[in-house]
């Protein structure tokens, strides 16, 4: 089933895909009261609500061009990204742990299909990262990898926008303090390099998501999906989820050792960034400060997520108190 969240005639609705370019609203059929995120209600009550979704008599389908798309899940408890989870990046690793690495994005970074991403000039370089995203269906902690897909409600598309310039600016080279292994009352200094992801991964609009939330039964194997990303008319990445370093099941299992997975959580699986053979531009050179949009990410069975881009020239606003 292909589910969507959208706004039509001043109402926020839940719908299903109907034909090629139509949506059939099902909010009233399911008795979903207006609220901040009816999709979460559906996910939490999926066992009873999904079987109840039937084409209601007398309901007129809505043309997709008449709606404003929301992210499929508008208020997830958390949005988790997986860092460097593609075998193509292995050759670039100078050192790395033998396990997945994660970062978080805030809800304010979410952006629906066909909603405009505004890039301010003071952000510096920004580029897209096409990714398969998993939406969690059931609460899970310490889940075994062979059982991990059982906690998935469905799949969608994430464009994990990344601000390389902000990443560079927020890098710290310093001495961290640790308790000595020999004497816990003494401290040791260890040289470290750190970069914090809050700005370069979590700026407003840096998480386009959608358009569909596709239920798990429609995607038998999330490990064999083709992923394509275009900026304008140019293909900048052509890849497959088969090249993820860690599979969806392994990611969910490992993450659940540290964070409880909850219904509606969005877990983005890592960037598909292989270049099309003979392409002049790669994903990482598709700097939206210099290259015009729109961006389009397509994943097998999940549709296309398109994001128009607007560039705004503006200085960094004054944020320090006078005299500081």
Protein backbone atom coordinates (compact mmCIF):
# COMPACT_ATOMS: atom_id res chain seq x y z
CA UNK A 1 0.00 0.00 0.00
CA UNK A 2 1.22 3.48 -0.92
CA UNK A 3 0.30 5.99 1.78
CA UNK A 4 0.72 9.75 1.73
CA UNK A 5 0.21 12.79 3.96
CA UNK A 6 -1.00 15.93 2.21
CA UNK A 7 -3.03 19.13 2.46
CA UNK A 8 -6.09 19.71 0.30
CA UNK A 9 -8.70 22.46 0.57
CA UNK A 10 -7.43 23.57 3.99
CA UNK A 11 -7.48 20.04 5.42
CA UNK A 12 -4.54 17.86 6.34
CA UNK A 13 -5.38 14.39 5.08
CA UNK A 14 -4.11 10.86 4.82
CA UNK A 15 -4.51 9.10 1.49
CA UNK A 16 -3.53 6.17 -0.67
CA UNK A 17 -2.19 6.19 -4.21
CA UNK A 18 -5.00 5.82 -6.72
CA UNK A 19 -3.89 5.20 -10.29
CA UNK A 20 -0.97 7.14 -11.64
CA UNK A 21 -1.70 10.71 -10.56
CA UNK A 22 -4.47 10.59 -7.97
CA UNK A 23 -4.89 10.24 -4.23
CA UNK A 24 -7.85 8.70 -2.46
CA UNK A 25 -8.41 10.29 0.98
CA UNK A 26 -8.97 7.75 3.77
CA UNK A 27 -8.80 9.91 6.91
CA UNK A 28 -12.58 9.99 7.38
CA UNK A 29 -12.94 6.30 6.55
CA UNK A 30 -10.49 5.44 9.36
CA UNK A 31 -11.99 7.93 11.79
CA UNK A 32 -8.71 9.79 12.11
CA UNK A 33 -9.32 13.05 13.93
CA UNK A 34 -7.42 16.15 12.79
CA UNK A 35 -4.08 16.29 14.56
CA UNK A 36 -0.39 16.98 14.15
CA UNK A 37 0.36 13.60 12.56
CA UNK A 38 -2.47 11.17 11.73
CA UNK A 39 0.07 8.88 10.03
CA UNK A 40 1.50 8.12 13.46
CA UNK A 41 -1.97 7.08 14.63
CA UNK A 42 -2.27 4.76 11.65
CA UNK A 43 1.18 3.25 12.23
CA UNK A 44 0.46 2.62 15.91
CA UNK A 45 -2.89 0.98 15.07
CA UNK A 46 -1.80 -0.67 11.84
CA UNK A 47 -3.13 -4.12 12.74
CA UNK A 48 -6.71 -2.85 12.71
CA UNK A 49 -6.48 0.22 10.46
CA UNK A 50 -4.62 -1.14 7.43
CA UNK A 51 -7.19 -3.91 6.76
CA UNK A 52 -9.93 -1.27 7.05
CA UNK A 53 -8.56 0.77 4.15
CA UNK A 54 -10.88 0.02 1.27
CA UNK A 55 -11.95 2.32 -1.58
CA UNK A 56 -14.93 4.11 -0.02
CA UNK A 57 -17.99 4.45 -2.23
CA UNK A 58 -18.72 7.93 -3.48
CA UNK A 59 -15.31 9.40 -2.62
CA UNK A 60 -13.78 11.35 -5.49
CA UNK A 61 -10.04 10.87 -6.01
CA UNK A 62 -7.91 14.01 -5.74
CA UNK A 63 -5.41 14.88 -8.50
CA UNK A 64 -1.91 14.92 -7.10
CA UNK A 65 -1.22 18.30 -8.70
CA UNK A 66 -3.97 19.81 -6.52
CA UNK A 67 -2.36 18.93 -3.17
CA UNK A 68 0.50 20.19 -1.05
CA UNK A 69 2.60 17.22 -0.03
CA UNK A 70 3.66 16.75 3.57
CA UNK A 71 6.44 14.39 4.63
CA UNK A 72 4.70 11.00 5.05
CA UNK A 73 5.48 11.07 8.78
CA UNK A 74 5.36 14.66 10.01
CA UNK A 75 6.29 14.25 13.68
CA UNK A 76 8.58 11.24 14.09
CA UNK A 77 10.05 10.71 17.52
CA UNK A 78 13.50 10.68 15.94
CA UNK A 79 15.16 10.85 12.56
CA UNK A 80 18.37 8.81 12.50
CA UNK A 81 20.94 8.91 9.71
CA UNK A 82 23.63 6.30 9.10
CA UNK A 83 27.06 7.70 8.28
CA UNK A 84 29.29 6.34 5.49
CA UNK A 85 27.22 3.20 4.99
CA UNK A 86 28.24 2.46 1.43
CA UNK A 87 31.01 0.14 0.30
CA UNK A 88 32.11 2.78 -2.20
CA UNK A 89 33.32 4.89 0.70
CA UNK A 90 35.48 2.13 2.19
CA UNK A 91 38.53 3.06 0.12
CA UNK A 92 38.36 6.62 1.48
CA UNK A 93 38.40 5.60 5.13
CA UNK A 94 41.70 6.33 6.86
CA UNK A 95 40.35 4.81 10.06
CA UNK A 96 36.81 3.78 11.00
CA UNK A 97 35.03 1.56 13.52
CA UNK A 98 33.77 -1.88 12.59
CA UNK A 99 30.16 -0.95 13.28
CA UNK A 100 27.57 1.57 12.00
CA UNK A 101 27.81 5.24 12.96
CA UNK A 102 24.75 7.44 13.48
CA UNK A 103 23.62 11.06 13.67
CA UNK A 104 20.25 12.69 14.35
CA UNK A 105 18.19 15.19 12.39
CA UNK A 106 15.44 17.34 13.94
CA UNK A 107 11.82 17.32 12.76
CA UNK A 108 12.24 20.89 11.50
CA UNK A 109 14.56 19.54 8.78
CA UNK A 110 11.69 17.58 7.17
CA UNK A 111 10.38 18.74 3.80
CA UNK A 112 7.58 17.23 1.73
CA UNK A 113 7.69 16.21 -1.92
CA UNK A 114 7.72 19.23 -4.29
CA UNK A 115 8.23 21.61 -1.36
CA UNK A 116 10.97 24.13 -2.03
CA UNK A 117 14.34 23.91 -0.33
CA UNK A 118 15.72 27.35 0.42
CA UNK A 119 19.50 27.53 0.38
CA UNK A 120 20.95 30.64 2.02
CA UNK A 121 24.30 31.83 0.75
CA UNK A 122 25.89 31.78 4.20
CA UNK A 123 25.30 28.01 4.40
CA UNK A 124 28.19 27.51 2.01
CA UNK A 125 28.33 24.37 -0.14
CA UNK A 126 25.33 22.02 0.10
CA UNK A 127 24.76 18.78 -1.81
CA UNK A 128 22.12 16.01 -1.92
CA UNK A 129 22.50 12.45 -0.63
CA UNK A 130 19.88 9.95 -1.90
CA UNK A 131 18.91 7.31 0.65
CA UNK A 132 16.47 4.55 1.43
CA UNK A 133 14.59 5.36 4.65
CA UNK A 134 12.83 2.93 6.97
CA UNK A 135 9.80 3.87 9.06
CA UNK A 136 9.48 1.84 12.26
CA UNK A 137 6.15 0.14 13.03
CA UNK A 138 6.60 -1.44 16.46
CA UNK A 139 8.54 -0.64 19.61
CA UNK A 140 11.78 -2.59 19.76
CA UNK A 141 14.93 -2.76 21.89
CA UNK A 142 17.82 -5.21 21.59
CA UNK A 143 16.29 -6.81 18.52
CA UNK A 144 18.10 -9.70 16.83
CA UNK A 145 19.13 -9.04 13.21
CA UNK A 146 17.05 -11.96 11.92
CA UNK A 147 13.97 -10.37 13.51
CA UNK A 148 14.75 -6.73 12.73
CA UNK A 149 12.62 -6.38 9.58
CA UNK A 150 9.58 -7.44 11.61
CA UNK A 151 9.61 -4.03 13.31
CA UNK A 152 9.46 -2.15 9.98
CA UNK A 153 6.17 -0.53 8.99
CA UNK A 154 7.35 0.63 5.60
CA UNK A 155 9.86 2.40 3.38
CA UNK A 156 10.24 5.85 1.88
CA UNK A 157 12.86 8.09 0.25
CA UNK A 158 15.13 10.48 2.12
CA UNK A 159 17.36 13.13 0.57
CA UNK A 160 19.92 13.58 3.33
CA UNK A 161 21.07 17.10 2.52
CA UNK A 162 24.61 17.84 3.67
CA UNK A 163 26.36 21.16 4.17
CA UNK A 164 30.05 20.43 3.60
CA UNK A 165 31.07 23.99 4.40
CA UNK A 166 29.30 23.90 7.76
CA UNK A 167 30.88 20.52 8.51
CA UNK A 168 34.31 22.04 7.98
CA UNK A 169 33.48 25.09 10.10
CA UNK A 170 32.23 22.92 12.99
CA UNK A 171 35.35 20.78 13.17
CA UNK A 172 37.39 20.75 16.37
CA UNK A 173 40.92 19.45 16.91
CA UNK A 174 41.58 19.25 20.63
CA UNK A 175 42.70 17.22 23.62
CA UNK A 176 39.93 15.15 25.22
CA UNK A 177 40.24 14.23 28.89
CA UNK A 178 39.82 10.62 30.00
CA UNK A 179 40.24 8.86 33.31
CA UNK A 180 43.49 6.90 33.35
CA UNK A 181 43.09 3.14 33.03
CA UNK A 182 45.76 2.69 35.69
CA UNK A 183 44.48 5.32 38.13
CA UNK A 184 40.89 6.61 37.82
CA UNK A 185 41.76 9.70 39.89
CA UNK A 186 44.14 10.88 37.20
CA UNK A 187 43.28 12.31 33.80
CA UNK A 188 44.90 11.63 30.44
CA UNK A 189 44.86 13.93 27.41
CA UNK A 190 44.14 12.31 24.07
CA UNK A 191 44.28 14.14 20.76
CA UNK A 192 41.00 13.99 18.84
CA UNK A 193 39.29 15.38 15.73
CA UNK A 194 35.58 16.03 16.04
CA UNK A 195 32.88 17.42 13.75
CA UNK A 196 29.36 18.04 15.02
CA UNK A 197 26.44 17.37 12.68
CA UNK A 198 23.66 19.61 14.05
CA UNK A 199 24.08 22.34 11.43
CA UNK A 200 25.44 20.49 8.42
CA UNK A 201 22.84 17.71 8.66
CA UNK A 202 19.98 19.35 10.58
CA UNK A 203 19.40 22.78 9.04
CA UNK A 204 15.77 23.51 8.05
CA UNK A 205 14.82 21.63 4.90
CA UNK A 206 17.79 19.27 5.03
CA UNK A 207 15.55 16.16 5.17
CA UNK A 208 13.22 15.98 2.15
CA UNK A 209 11.10 12.85 2.68
CA UNK A 210 8.48 11.05 0.61
CA UNK A 211 6.33 11.21 -1.36
CA UNK A 212 5.02 7.79 -0.35
CA UNK A 213 5.24 5.65 2.73
CA UNK A 214 5.19 2.20 1.14
CA UNK A 215 4.13 -0.62 3.45
CA UNK A 216 6.61 -3.42 4.08
CA UNK A 217 4.68 -6.05 2.11
CA UNK A 218 5.28 -4.10 -1.12
CA UNK A 219 9.10 -4.30 -0.74
CA UNK A 220 10.07 -7.96 -0.19
CA UNK A 221 13.82 -7.23 -0.09
CA UNK A 222 15.07 -3.72 0.78
CA UNK A 223 18.60 -4.86 -0.09
CA UNK A 224 18.14 -4.94 -3.87
CA UNK A 225 16.70 -1.51 -4.69
CA UNK A 226 18.16 0.74 -7.38
CA UNK A 227 18.75 4.37 -6.38
CA UNK A 228 19.17 7.29 -8.78
CA UNK A 229 19.70 10.97 -8.03
CA UNK A 230 19.43 13.82 -10.52
CA UNK A 231 20.21 17.49 -10.08
CA UNK A 232 18.48 19.34 -12.87
CA UNK A 233 18.56 16.89 -15.77
CA UNK A 234 21.98 15.48 -14.85
CA UNK A 235 22.39 12.11 -13.14
CA UNK A 236 24.83 12.56 -10.25
CA UNK A 237 24.43 9.14 -8.59
CA UNK A 238 23.32 5.71 -9.78
CA UNK A 239 23.59 3.03 -7.14
CA UNK A 240 21.83 0.20 -5.33
CA UNK A 241 21.05 -0.70 -1.72
CA UNK A 242 22.93 -3.95 -2.35
CA UNK A 243 26.11 -1.90 -1.83
CA UNK A 244 25.24 -0.79 1.70
CA UNK A 245 28.07 -1.76 4.03
CA UNK A 246 25.54 -2.76 6.70
CA UNK A 247 22.11 -4.09 5.71
CA UNK A 248 18.80 -2.67 6.89
CA UNK A 249 18.41 -5.53 9.36
CA UNK A 250 21.93 -5.04 10.76
CA UNK A 251 21.42 -1.28 11.10
CA UNK A 252 18.15 -1.69 13.01
CA UNK A 253 19.56 -4.41 15.23
CA UNK A 254 22.69 -2.43 16.12
CA UNK A 255 20.82 0.83 16.69
CA UNK A 256 18.32 -0.92 18.97
CA UNK A 257 21.19 -1.86 21.30
CA UNK A 258 21.42 1.85 22.19
CA UNK A 259 18.12 3.52 21.31
CA UNK A 260 14.60 2.16 21.56
CA UNK A 261 12.97 2.05 18.14
CA UNK A 262 9.45 3.48 18.31
CA UNK A 263 6.53 3.62 15.85
CA UNK A 264 7.05 6.42 13.35
CA UNK A 265 10.81 6.72 13.80
CA UNK A 266 12.62 7.35 10.52
CA UNK A 267 15.96 5.61 9.96
CA UNK A 268 17.83 6.67 6.81
CA UNK A 269 20.17 3.94 5.64
CA UNK A 270 23.12 5.82 4.17
CA UNK A 271 24.02 7.49 0.92
CA UNK A 272 23.88 5.84 -2.48
CA UNK A 273 26.51 7.84 -4.33
CA UNK A 274 28.12 5.80 -7.11
CA UNK A 275 28.66 7.89 -10.21
CA UNK A 276 27.06 7.03 -13.51
CA UNK A 277 29.77 5.74 -15.85
CA UNK A 278 31.12 8.61 -17.90
CA UNK A 279 29.31 11.26 -15.87
CA UNK A 280 30.98 14.66 -15.60
CA UNK A 281 29.55 15.55 -12.21
CA UNK A 282 29.42 13.44 -9.05
CA UNK A 283 27.04 13.70 -6.14
CA UNK A 284 29.65 15.49 -4.04
CA UNK A 285 30.30 18.11 -6.71
CA UNK A 286 26.60 18.92 -7.11
CA UNK A 287 26.89 22.02 -4.94
CA UNK A 288 23.47 23.66 -4.89
CA UNK A 289 25.08 27.07 -4.43
CA UNK A 290 26.40 26.63 -7.98
CA UNK A 291 24.20 23.98 -9.64
CA UNK A 292 20.51 24.64 -10.23
CA UNK A 293 17.84 22.18 -9.09
CA UNK A 294 15.45 20.57 -8.90
CA UNK A 295 16.75 17.46 -7.18
CA UNK A 296 15.03 14.15 -7.91
CA UNK A 297 15.68 10.90 -6.06
CA UNK A 298 14.16 7.69 -7.41
CA UNK A 299 14.20 4.30 -5.68
CA UNK A 300 12.79 1.06 -7.06
CA UNK A 301 9.22 0.59 -5.86
CA UNK A 302 9.15 3.82 -3.85
CA UNK A 303 8.61 6.42 -6.56
CA UNK A 304 10.30 9.77 -7.05
CA UNK A 305 11.03 12.49 -4.49
CA UNK A 306 11.47 15.87 -6.15
CA UNK A 307 12.71 19.01 -4.42
CA UNK A 308 12.89 22.41 -6.14
CA UNK A 309 15.75 24.62 -4.96
CA UNK A 310 15.84 28.38 -4.36
CA UNK A 311 19.08 30.20 -3.57
CA UNK A 312 18.90 33.31 -1.40
CA UNK A 313 21.83 35.71 -1.15
CA UNK A 314 22.01 37.00 2.39
CA UNK A 315 24.67 37.67 5.02
CA UNK A 316 24.83 35.72 8.23
CA UNK A 317 22.34 37.41 10.62
CA UNK A 318 23.72 39.16 13.69
CA UNK A 319 23.53 36.61 16.49
CA UNK A 320 26.00 37.89 19.11
CA UNK A 321 25.07 40.40 21.76
CA UNK A 322 26.62 43.80 21.36
CA UNK A 323 29.90 44.05 23.19
CA UNK A 324 30.52 40.29 23.15
